[in-house]
Every structure is written in C-alpha cells, then in structure tokens.
ModelCIF file with pLDDT and N, C-alpha, C, O atoms, coordinates in Angstrom:
data_MODEL
#
_entry.id   MODEL 
#
_entity.id                         1 
_entity.type                       polymer 
_entity.pdbx_number_of_molecules   1 
#
_entity_poly.entity_id                      1 
_entity_poly.type                           'polypeptide(L)' 
_entity_poly.nstd_linkage                   no 
_entity_poly.nstd_monomer                   no 
_entity_poly.pdbx_seq_one_letter_code       
;(UNK)(UNK)(UNK)(UNK)(UNK)(UNK)(UNK)(UNK)(UNK)(UNK)(UNK)(UNK)(UNK)(UNK)(UNK)(UNK)
(UNK)(UNK)(UNK)(UNK)(UNK)(UNK)(UNK)(UNK)(UNK)(UNK)(UNK)(UNK)(UNK)(UNK)
;
_entity_poly.pdbx_seq_one_letter_code_can   XXXXXXXXXXXXXXXXXXXXXXXXXXXXXX 
_entity_poly.pdbx_strand_id                 A 
#
loop_
_entity_poly_seq.entity_id 
_entity_poly_seq.num 
_entity_poly_seq.mon_id 
_entity_poly_seq.hetero 
1 1  UNK n 
1 2  UNK n 
1 3  UNK n 
1 4  UNK n 
1 5  UNK n 
1 6  UNK n 
1 7  UNK n 
1 8  UNK n 
1 9  UNK n 
1 10 UNK n 
1 11 UNK n 
1 12 UNK n 
1 13 UNK n 
1 14 UNK n 
1 15 UNK n 
1 16 UNK n 
1 17 UNK n 
1 18 UNK n 
1 19 UNK n 
1 20 UNK n 
1 21 UNK n 
1 22 UNK n 
1 23 UNK n 
1 24 UNK n 
1 25 UNK n 
1 26 UNK n 
1 27 UNK n 
1 28 UNK n 
1 29 UNK n 
1 30 UNK n 
#
_struct_asym.id          A 
_struct_asym.entity_id   1 
#
loop_
_ma_qa_metric.id 
_ma_qa_metric.mode 
_ma_qa_metric.name 
_ma_qa_metric.software_group_id 
_ma_qa_metric.type 
1 global pLDDT . pLDDT 
2 local  pLDDT . pLDDT 
#
_ma_qa_metric_global.metric_id      1 
_ma_qa_metric_global.metric_value   83.50 
_ma_qa_metric_global.model_id       1 
_ma_qa_metric_global.ordinal_id     1 
#
loop_
_ma_qa_metric_local.label_asym_id 
_ma_qa_metric_local.label_comp_id 
_ma_qa_metric_local.label_seq_id 
_ma_qa_metric_local.metric_id 
_ma_qa_metric_local.metric_value 
_ma_qa_metric_local.model_id 
_ma_qa_metric_local.ordinal_id 
A UNK 1  2 97.00 1 1  
A UNK 2  2 97.00 1 2  
A UNK 3  2 97.00 1 3  
A UNK 4  2 96.00 1 4  
A UNK 5  2 97.00 1 5  
A UNK 6  2 96.00 1 6  
A UNK 7  2 95.00 1 7  
A UNK 8  2 93.00 1 8  
A UNK 9  2 86.00 1 9  
A UNK 10 2 91.00 1 10 
A UNK 11 2 96.00 1 11 
A UNK 12 2 97.00 1 12 
A UNK 13 2 98.00 1 13 
A UNK 14 2 98.00 1 14 
A UNK 15 2 97.00 1 15 
A UNK 16 2 95.00 1 16 
A UNK 17 2 88.00 1 17 
A UNK 18 2 83.00 1 18 
A UNK 19 2 77.00 1 19 
A UNK 20 2 76.00 1 20 
A UNK 21 2 71.00 1 21 
A UNK 22 2 65.00 1 22 
A UNK 23 2 64.00 1 23 
A UNK 24 2 60.00 1 24 
A UNK 25 2 60.00 1 25 
A UNK 26 2 64.00 1 26 
A UNK 27 2 64.00 1 27 
A UNK 28 2 67.00 1 28 
A UNK 29 2 68.00 1 29 
A UNK 30 2 72.00 1 30 
#
loop_
_atom_site.group_PDB 
_atom_site.id 
_atom_site.type_symbol 
_atom_site.label_atom_id 
_atom_site.label_alt_id 
_atom_site.label_comp_id 
_atom_site.label_asym_id 
_atom_site.label_entity_id 
_atom_site.label_seq_id 
_atom_site.pdbx_PDB_ins_code 
_atom_site.Cartn_x 
_atom_site.Cartn_y 
_atom_site.Cartn_z 
_atom_site.occupancy 
_atom_site.B_iso_or_equiv 
_atom_site.pdbx_formal_charge 
_atom_site.auth_seq_id 
_atom_site.auth_comp_id 
_atom_site.auth_asym_id 
_atom_site.auth_atom_id 
_atom_site.pdbx_PDB_model_num 
ATOM 1   N N  . UNK A 1 1  ? -10.725 24.245 4.542   1.00 97.00 ? 1  UNK A N  1 
ATOM 2   C CA . UNK A 1 1  ? -9.738  24.946 5.365   1.00 97.00 ? 1  UNK A CA 1 
ATOM 3   C C  . UNK A 1 1  ? -8.484  25.300 4.559   1.00 97.00 ? 1  UNK A C  1 
ATOM 4   O O  . UNK A 1 1  ? -7.941  26.395 4.700   1.00 97.00 ? 1  UNK A O  1 
ATOM 5   N N  . UNK A 1 2  ? -8.030  24.372 3.715   1.00 97.00 ? 2  UNK A N  1 
ATOM 6   C CA . UNK A 1 2  ? -6.841  24.626 2.900   1.00 97.00 ? 2  UNK A CA 1 
ATOM 7   C C  . UNK A 1 2  ? -7.101  25.754 1.903   1.00 97.00 ? 2  UNK A C  1 
ATOM 8   O O  . UNK A 1 2  ? -6.226  26.588 1.669   1.00 97.00 ? 2  UNK A O  1 
ATOM 9   N N  . UNK A 1 3  ? -8.294  25.784 1.318   1.00 97.00 ? 3  UNK A N  1 
ATOM 10  C CA . UNK A 1 3  ? -8.633  26.863 0.378   1.00 97.00 ? 3  UNK A CA 1 
ATOM 11  C C  . UNK A 1 3  ? -8.753  28.203 1.097   1.00 97.00 ? 3  UNK A C  1 
ATOM 12  O O  . UNK A 1 3  ? -8.355  29.233 0.552   1.00 97.00 ? 3  UNK A O  1 
ATOM 13  N N  . UNK A 1 4  ? -9.289  28.203 2.297   1.00 96.00 ? 4  UNK A N  1 
ATOM 14  C CA . UNK A 1 4  ? -9.392  29.439 3.073   1.00 96.00 ? 4  UNK A CA 1 
ATOM 15  C C  . UNK A 1 4  ? -8.008  30.014 3.363   1.00 96.00 ? 4  UNK A C  1 
ATOM 16  O O  . UNK A 1 4  ? -7.832  31.232 3.385   1.00 96.00 ? 4  UNK A O  1 
ATOM 17  N N  . UNK A 1 5  ? -7.033  29.144 3.583   1.00 97.00 ? 5  UNK A N  1 
ATOM 18  C CA . UNK A 1 5  ? -5.664  29.597 3.862   1.00 97.00 ? 5  UNK A CA 1 
ATOM 19  C C  . UNK A 1 5  ? -5.038  30.335 2.684   1.00 97.00 ? 5  UNK A C  1 
ATOM 20  O O  . UNK A 1 5  ? -4.166  31.182 2.875   1.00 97.00 ? 5  UNK A O  1 
ATOM 21  N N  . UNK A 1 6  ? -5.480  30.015 1.460   1.00 96.00 ? 6  UNK A N  1 
ATOM 22  C CA . UNK A 1 6  ? -4.916  30.713 0.293   1.00 96.00 ? 6  UNK A CA 1 
ATOM 23  C C  . UNK A 1 6  ? -5.834  31.840 -0.181  1.00 96.00 ? 6  UNK A C  1 
ATOM 24  O O  . UNK A 1 6  ? -5.586  32.443 -1.225  1.00 96.00 ? 6  UNK A O  1 
ATOM 25  N N  . UNK A 1 7  ? -6.899  32.129 0.585   1.00 95.00 ? 7  UNK A N  1 
ATOM 26  C CA . UNK A 1 7  ? -7.737  33.284 0.291   1.00 95.00 ? 7  UNK A CA 1 
ATOM 27  C C  . UNK A 1 7  ? -9.023  33.003 -0.458  1.00 95.00 ? 7  UNK A C  1 
ATOM 28  O O  . UNK A 1 7  ? -9.702  33.940 -0.876  1.00 95.00 ? 7  UNK A O  1 
ATOM 29  N N  . UNK A 1 8  ? -9.375  31.747 -0.640  1.00 93.00 ? 8  UNK A N  1 
ATOM 30  C CA . UNK A 1 8  ? -10.641 31.406 -1.294  1.00 93.00 ? 8  UNK A CA 1 
ATOM 31  C C  . UNK A 1 8  ? -11.717 31.344 -0.221  1.00 93.00 ? 8  UNK A C  1 
ATOM 32  O O  . UNK A 1 8  ? -11.716 30.443 0.617   1.00 93.00 ? 8  UNK A O  1 
ATOM 33  N N  . UNK A 1 9  ? -12.630 32.300 -0.249  1.00 86.00 ? 9  UNK A N  1 
ATOM 34  C CA . UNK A 1 9  ? -13.634 32.371 0.817   1.00 86.00 ? 9  UNK A CA 1 
ATOM 35  C C  . UNK A 1 9  ? -15.033 32.036 0.346   1.00 86.00 ? 9  UNK A C  1 
ATOM 36  O O  . UNK A 1 9  ? -15.906 31.770 1.172   1.00 86.00 ? 9  UNK A O  1 
ATOM 37  N N  . UNK A 1 10 ? -15.276 32.040 -0.954  1.00 91.00 ? 10 UNK A N  1 
ATOM 38  C CA . UNK A 1 10 ? -16.607 31.763 -1.453  1.00 91.00 ? 10 UNK A CA 1 
ATOM 39  C C  . UNK A 1 10 ? -16.630 30.508 -2.299  1.00 91.00 ? 10 UNK A C  1 
ATOM 40  O O  . UNK A 1 10 ? -15.781 30.321 -3.171  1.00 91.00 ? 10 UNK A O  1 
ATOM 41  N N  . UNK A 1 11 ? -17.593 29.656 -2.042  1.00 96.00 ? 11 UNK A N  1 
ATOM 42  C CA . UNK A 1 11 ? -17.761 28.445 -2.835  1.00 96.00 ? 11 UNK A CA 1 
ATOM 43  C C  . UNK A 1 11 ? -19.164 27.911 -2.640  1.00 96.00 ? 11 UNK A C  1 
ATOM 44  O O  . UNK A 1 11 ? -19.850 28.269 -1.683  1.00 96.00 ? 11 UNK A O  1 
ATOM 45  N N  . UNK A 1 12 ? -19.583 27.060 -3.546  1.00 97.00 ? 12 UNK A N  1 
ATOM 46  C CA . UNK A 1 12 ? -20.854 26.363 -3.432  1.00 97.00 ? 12 UNK A CA 1 
ATOM 47  C C  . UNK A 1 12 ? -20.543 24.895 -3.245  1.00 97.00 ? 12 UNK A C  1 
ATOM 48  O O  . UNK A 1 12 ? -19.717 24.330 -3.962  1.00 97.00 ? 12 UNK A O  1 
ATOM 49  N N  . UNK A 1 13 ? -21.207 24.275 -2.280  1.00 98.00 ? 13 UNK A N  1 
ATOM 50  C CA . UNK A 1 13 ? -20.966 22.867 -1.980  1.00 98.00 ? 13 UNK A CA 1 
ATOM 51  C C  . UNK A 1 13 ? -22.280 22.106 -2.112  1.00 98.00 ? 13 UNK A C  1 
ATOM 52  O O  . UNK A 1 13 ? -23.305 22.524 -1.573  1.00 98.00 ? 13 UNK A O  1 
ATOM 53  N N  . UNK A 1 14 ? -22.242 20.989 -2.830  1.00 98.00 ? 14 UNK A N  1 
ATOM 54  C CA . UNK A 1 14 ? -23.429 20.160 -3.030  1.00 98.00 ? 14 UNK A CA 1 
ATOM 55  C C  . UNK A 1 14 ? -23.107 18.717 -2.680  1.00 98.00 ? 14 UNK A C  1 
ATOM 56  O O  . UNK A 1 14 ? -21.994 18.243 -2.907  1.00 98.00 ? 14 UNK A O  1 
ATOM 57  N N  . UNK A 1 15 ? -24.095 18.026 -2.125  1.00 97.00 ? 15 UNK A N  1 
ATOM 58  C CA . UNK A 1 15 ? -23.964 16.586 -1.921  1.00 97.00 ? 15 UNK A CA 1 
ATOM 59  C C  . UNK A 1 15 ? -24.451 15.924 -3.199  1.00 97.00 ? 15 UNK A C  1 
ATOM 60  O O  . UNK A 1 15 ? -25.586 16.139 -3.624  1.00 97.00 ? 15 UNK A O  1 
ATOM 61  N N  . UNK A 1 16 ? -23.594 15.121 -3.807  1.00 95.00 ? 16 UNK A N  1 
ATOM 62  C CA . UNK A 1 16 ? -23.925 14.458 -5.066  1.00 95.00 ? 16 UNK A CA 1 
ATOM 63  C C  . UNK A 1 16 ? -23.614 12.970 -4.945  1.00 95.00 ? 16 UNK A C  1 
ATOM 64  O O  . UNK A 1 16 ? -23.030 12.523 -3.957  1.00 95.00 ? 16 UNK A O  1 
ATOM 65  N N  . UNK A 1 17 ? -24.007 12.222 -5.950  1.00 88.00 ? 17 UNK A N  1 
ATOM 66  C CA . UNK A 1 17 ? -23.674 10.804 -6.008  1.00 88.00 ? 17 UNK A CA 1 
ATOM 67  C C  . UNK A 1 17 ? -23.089 10.518 -7.371  1.00 88.00 ? 17 UNK A C  1 
ATOM 68  O O  . UNK A 1 17 ? -23.465 11.145 -8.361  1.00 88.00 ? 17 UNK A O  1 
ATOM 69  N N  . UNK A 1 18 ? -22.171 9.574  -7.424  1.00 83.00 ? 18 UNK A N  1 
ATOM 70  C CA . UNK A 1 18 ? -21.579 9.236  -8.700  1.00 83.00 ? 18 UNK A CA 1 
ATOM 71  C C  . UNK A 1 18 ? -20.698 8.011  -8.590  1.00 83.00 ? 18 UNK A C  1 
ATOM 72  O O  . UNK A 1 18 ? -20.496 7.454  -7.511  1.00 83.00 ? 18 UNK A O  1 
ATOM 73  N N  . UNK A 1 19 ? -20.181 7.609  -9.736  1.00 77.00 ? 19 UNK A N  1 
ATOM 74  C CA . UNK A 1 19 ? -19.214 6.534  -9.750  1.00 77.00 ? 19 UNK A CA 1 
ATOM 75  C C  . UNK A 1 19 ? -18.338 6.651  -10.978 1.00 77.00 ? 19 UNK A C  1 
ATOM 76  O O  . UNK A 1 19 ? -18.715 7.254  -11.984 1.00 77.00 ? 19 UNK A O  1 
ATOM 77  N N  . UNK A 1 20 ? -17.179 6.071  -10.875 1.00 76.00 ? 20 UNK A N  1 
ATOM 78  C CA . UNK A 1 20 ? -16.236 6.028  -11.978 1.00 76.00 ? 20 UNK A CA 1 
ATOM 79  C C  . UNK A 1 20 ? -15.555 4.683  -11.910 1.00 76.00 ? 20 UNK A C  1 
ATOM 80  O O  . UNK A 1 20 ? -16.210 3.642  -11.966 1.00 76.00 ? 20 UNK A O  1 
ATOM 81  N N  . UNK A 1 21 ? -14.258 4.702  -11.791 1.00 71.00 ? 21 UNK A N  1 
ATOM 82  C CA . UNK A 1 21 ? -13.519 3.444  -11.670 1.00 71.00 ? 21 UNK A CA 1 
ATOM 83  C C  . UNK A 1 21 ? -13.810 2.737  -10.361 1.00 71.00 ? 21 UNK A C  1 
ATOM 84  O O  . UNK A 1 21 ? -13.604 1.529  -10.245 1.00 71.00 ? 21 UNK A O  1 
ATOM 85  N N  . UNK A 1 22 ? -14.286 3.478  -9.381  1.00 65.00 ? 22 UNK A N  1 
ATOM 86  C CA . UNK A 1 22 ? -14.577 2.903  -8.069  1.00 65.00 ? 22 UNK A CA 1 
ATOM 87  C C  . UNK A 1 22 ? -15.712 1.887  -8.153  1.00 65.00 ? 22 UNK A C  1 
ATOM 88  O O  . UNK A 1 22 ? -15.723 0.917  -7.396  1.00 65.00 ? 22 UNK A O  1 
ATOM 89  N N  . UNK A 1 23 ? -16.656 2.090  -9.049  1.00 64.00 ? 23 UNK A N  1 
ATOM 90  C CA . UNK A 1 23 ? -17.727 1.166  -9.412  1.00 64.00 ? 23 UNK A CA 1 
ATOM 91  C C  . UNK A 1 23 ? -18.742 0.835  -8.330  1.00 64.00 ? 23 UNK A C  1 
ATOM 92  O O  . UNK A 1 23 ? -19.649 0.048  -8.602  1.00 64.00 ? 23 UNK A O  1 
ATOM 93  N N  . UNK A 1 24 ? -18.655 1.366  -7.152  1.00 60.00 ? 24 UNK A N  1 
ATOM 94  C CA . UNK A 1 24 ? -19.633 1.049  -6.118  1.00 60.00 ? 24 UNK A CA 1 
ATOM 95  C C  . UNK A 1 24 ? -19.232 -0.193 -5.347  1.00 60.00 ? 24 UNK A C  1 
ATOM 96  O O  . UNK A 1 24 ? -18.097 -0.661 -5.437  1.00 60.00 ? 24 UNK A O  1 
ATOM 97  N N  . UNK A 1 25 ? -20.189 -0.722 -4.580  1.00 60.00 ? 25 UNK A N  1 
ATOM 98  C CA . UNK A 1 25 ? -19.912 -1.894 -3.759  1.00 60.00 ? 25 UNK A CA 1 
ATOM 99  C C  . UNK A 1 25 ? -21.213 -2.628 -3.452  1.00 60.00 ? 25 UNK A C  1 
ATOM 100 O O  . UNK A 1 25 ? -22.300 -2.112 -3.712  1.00 60.00 ? 25 UNK A O  1 
ATOM 101 N N  . UNK A 1 26 ? -21.097 -3.835 -2.899  1.00 64.00 ? 26 UNK A N  1 
ATOM 102 C CA . UNK A 1 26 ? -22.271 -4.622 -2.520  1.00 64.00 ? 26 UNK A CA 1 
ATOM 103 C C  . UNK A 1 26 ? -22.568 -4.422 -1.046  1.00 64.00 ? 26 UNK A C  1 
ATOM 104 O O  . UNK A 1 26 ? -21.649 -4.287 -0.237  1.00 64.00 ? 26 UNK A O  1 
ATOM 105 N N  . UNK A 1 27 ? -23.850 -4.401 -0.691  1.00 64.00 ? 27 UNK A N  1 
ATOM 106 C CA . UNK A 1 27 ? -24.272 -4.303 0.703   1.00 64.00 ? 27 UNK A CA 1 
ATOM 107 C C  . UNK A 1 27 ? -25.327 -5.355 0.969   1.00 64.00 ? 27 UNK A C  1 
ATOM 108 O O  . UNK A 1 27 ? -25.986 -5.849 0.054   1.00 64.00 ? 27 UNK A O  1 
ATOM 109 N N  . UNK A 1 28 ? -25.474 -5.685 2.231   1.00 67.00 ? 28 UNK A N  1 
ATOM 110 C CA . UNK A 1 28 ? -26.469 -6.655 2.656   1.00 67.00 ? 28 UNK A CA 1 
ATOM 111 C C  . UNK A 1 28 ? -27.546 -5.928 3.440   1.00 67.00 ? 28 UNK A C  1 
ATOM 112 O O  . UNK A 1 28 ? -27.238 -5.221 4.399   1.00 67.00 ? 28 UNK A O  1 
ATOM 113 N N  . UNK A 1 29 ? -28.815 -6.089 3.046   1.00 68.00 ? 29 UNK A N  1 
ATOM 114 C CA . UNK A 1 29 ? -29.926 -5.446 3.736   1.00 68.00 ? 29 UNK A CA 1 
ATOM 115 C C  . UNK A 1 29 ? -31.041 -6.464 3.910   1.00 68.00 ? 29 UNK A C  1 
ATOM 116 O O  . UNK A 1 29 ? -31.589 -6.972 2.931   1.00 68.00 ? 29 UNK A O  1 
ATOM 117 N N  . UNK A 1 30 ? -31.373 -6.758 5.161   1.00 72.00 ? 30 UNK A N  1 
ATOM 118 C CA . UNK A 1 30 ? -32.414 -7.738 5.494   1.00 72.00 ? 30 UNK A CA 1 
ATOM 119 C C  . UNK A 1 30 ? -32.209 -9.061 4.767   1.00 72.00 ? 30 UNK A C  1 
ATOM 120 O O  . UNK A 1 30 ? -33.000 -9.989 4.940   1.00 72.00 ? 30 UNK A O  1 
#
C-alpha cells in the first residue's frame, strides 16, 4: 500500500524462507 501511494504499481512477490541473525526458534511437535 505504501509503495502504491508513491506510484509503484508493478512488483513480483514470492514466499521464501531464510534466516540471518534471527537464527530461527525451537518448536514442540508430538
């Protein structure tokens, strides 16, 4: 929405996965 306000109407959006300093987290499953 913020980009549309300044006139940017075209973009490509992808769902990706990654990590950096955030390093992920632990989860409990079964």
